[in-house]
Amino acid sequence: MFVGDGINDAPVLTGADVGGAMGSGADSAIEAADVVYMNSNLDSVWRSLSIADRTLSIAWQNIFFAIAVKIIVMVAGVFGFANMWVAIFADTGVSILCILNSIRIFYSK
């Protein structure tokens, strides 16, 4: 990630994996950036990185939970303990729980 606010930063912002520009910076830097911070406070950069880490963590939780439930239902189906309706309800339930788990991102500090 590269953060800049000047005219000279625009080429580097376009070449970076993620480019961030301060909102009070040059218009060319704002156009070239992927993320625009509306204030000139560098704490915003740290906050956005912590939100990104939290988002990645919750995404991995959702992936592992969904795969685990699908494997459990599949094994139960192989041994005759689960039919198609159980699999449908398990899949729908996992989807709803993953969505509810993802909502936690909005309430992170």
Protein backbone atom coordinates (compact mmCIF):
# COMPACT_ATOMS: atom_id res chain seq x y z
CA MET A 1 0.00 0.00 0.00
CA PHE A 2 1.23 3.44 -0.91
CA VAL A 3 -0.27 6.61 0.54
CA GLY A 4 0.40 10.00 -0.98
CA ASP A 5 -1.18 13.39 -1.49
CA GLY A 6 0.87 15.25 -4.07
CA ILE A 7 1.03 15.56 -7.85
CA ASN A 8 4.28 13.59 -7.92
CA ASP A 9 2.58 10.67 -6.14
CA ALA A 10 0.02 9.96 -8.90
CA PRO A 11 2.22 7.60 -10.99
CA VAL A 12 3.23 5.61 -7.91
CA LEU A 13 -0.39 5.41 -6.75
CA THR A 14 -1.43 3.84 -10.05
CA GLY A 15 1.42 1.31 -9.90
CA ALA A 16 0.87 0.28 -6.28
CA ASP A 17 -1.22 -2.74 -5.30
CA VAL A 18 -3.44 -0.39 -3.30
CA GLY A 19 -3.00 3.36 -3.58
CA GLY A 20 -4.37 5.77 -1.00
CA ALA A 21 -4.64 9.54 -1.30
CA MET A 22 -5.44 12.12 1.31
CA GLY A 23 -8.60 14.05 0.49
CA SER A 24 -6.88 17.41 0.83
CA GLY A 25 -4.23 16.42 -1.72
CA ALA A 26 -3.86 17.09 -5.42
CA ASP A 27 -6.71 16.14 -7.76
CA SER A 28 -4.42 13.94 -9.87
CA ALA A 29 -3.46 11.91 -6.80
CA ILE A 30 -7.12 11.55 -5.81
CA GLU A 31 -8.03 10.30 -9.30
CA ALA A 32 -5.15 7.81 -9.37
CA ALA A 33 -5.83 6.38 -5.90
CA ASP A 34 -7.89 3.31 -5.08
CA VAL A 35 -8.80 4.68 -1.64
CA VAL A 36 -9.36 8.34 -0.76
CA TYR A 37 -9.14 9.35 2.89
CA MET A 38 -11.40 12.33 3.47
CA ASN A 39 -9.23 13.78 6.21
CA SER A 40 -5.48 14.29 6.40
CA ASN A 41 -5.12 12.22 9.55
CA LEU A 42 -2.74 9.28 9.15
CA ASP A 43 -4.69 7.34 11.78
CA SER A 44 -7.26 6.73 9.02
CA VAL A 45 -4.71 4.58 7.19
CA TRP A 46 -4.12 2.47 10.29
CA ARG A 47 -7.87 2.13 10.85
CA SER A 48 -8.50 1.00 7.27
CA LEU A 49 -5.75 -1.61 7.54
CA SER A 50 -7.20 -2.95 10.79
CA ILE A 51 -10.67 -3.14 9.19
CA ALA A 52 -9.13 -5.04 6.25
CA ASP A 53 -7.46 -7.52 8.64
CA ARG A 54 -10.73 -8.01 10.52
CA THR A 55 -12.61 -8.51 7.24
CA LEU A 56 -10.12 -11.13 6.08
CA SER A 57 -10.38 -12.95 9.42
CA ILE A 58 -14.18 -13.05 9.27
CA ALA A 59 -14.10 -14.21 5.64
CA TRP A 60 -11.86 -17.15 6.58
CA GLN A 61 -14.16 -17.98 9.51
CA ASN A 62 -17.14 -18.08 7.14
CA ILE A 63 -15.30 -20.27 4.63
CA PHE A 64 -14.17 -22.81 7.23
CA PHE A 65 -17.59 -22.91 8.91
CA ALA A 66 -19.44 -23.42 5.62
CA ILE A 67 -17.08 -26.17 4.45
CA ALA A 68 -17.22 -27.93 7.84
CA VAL A 69 -21.03 -27.99 7.90
CA LYS A 70 -21.19 -29.21 4.29
CA ILE A 71 -18.73 -32.03 5.06
CA ILE A 72 -20.69 -33.05 8.16
CA VAL A 73 -23.98 -33.13 6.24
CA MET A 74 -22.35 -34.99 3.35
CA VAL A 75 -20.95 -37.66 5.67
CA ALA A 76 -24.32 -37.92 7.43
CA GLY A 77 -25.97 -38.35 4.04
CA VAL A 78 -23.57 -41.10 3.04
CA PHE A 79 -24.45 -43.05 6.19
CA GLY A 80 -28.18 -42.43 5.74
CA PHE A 81 -28.71 -39.94 8.57
CA ALA A 82 -29.46 -36.95 6.33
CA ASN A 83 -31.64 -36.62 3.28
CA MET A 84 -31.88 -33.88 0.65
CA TRP A 85 -34.06 -31.64 2.82
CA VAL A 86 -31.53 -31.68 5.65
CA ALA A 87 -28.83 -30.68 3.17
CA ILE A 88 -30.98 -27.84 1.83
CA PHE A 89 -31.76 -26.52 5.31
CA ALA A 90 -28.10 -26.87 6.34
CA ASP A 91 -26.95 -24.95 3.28
CA THR A 92 -29.50 -22.19 3.81
CA GLY A 93 -28.71 -22.03 7.51
CA VAL A 94 -24.98 -21.78 6.86
CA SER A 95 -25.58 -18.97 4.38
CA ILE A 96 -27.67 -17.02 6.89
CA LEU A 97 -25.15 -17.57 9.70
CA CYS A 98 -22.27 -16.46 7.47
CA ILE A 99 -24.16 -13.29 6.57
CA LEU A 100 -24.87 -12.59 10.24
CA ASN A 101 -21.22 -13.25 11.07
CA SER A 102 -20.16 -10.79 8.36
CA ILE A 103 -22.34 -8.05 9.83
CA ARG A 104 -19.88 -7.91 12.74
CA ILE A 105 -17.53 -5.95 10.48
CA PHE A 106 -19.83 -2.92 10.71
CA TYR A 107 -19.58 -2.91 14.49
CA SER A 108 -15.81 -3.33 14.79
CA LYS A 109 -13.88 -0.56 16.46
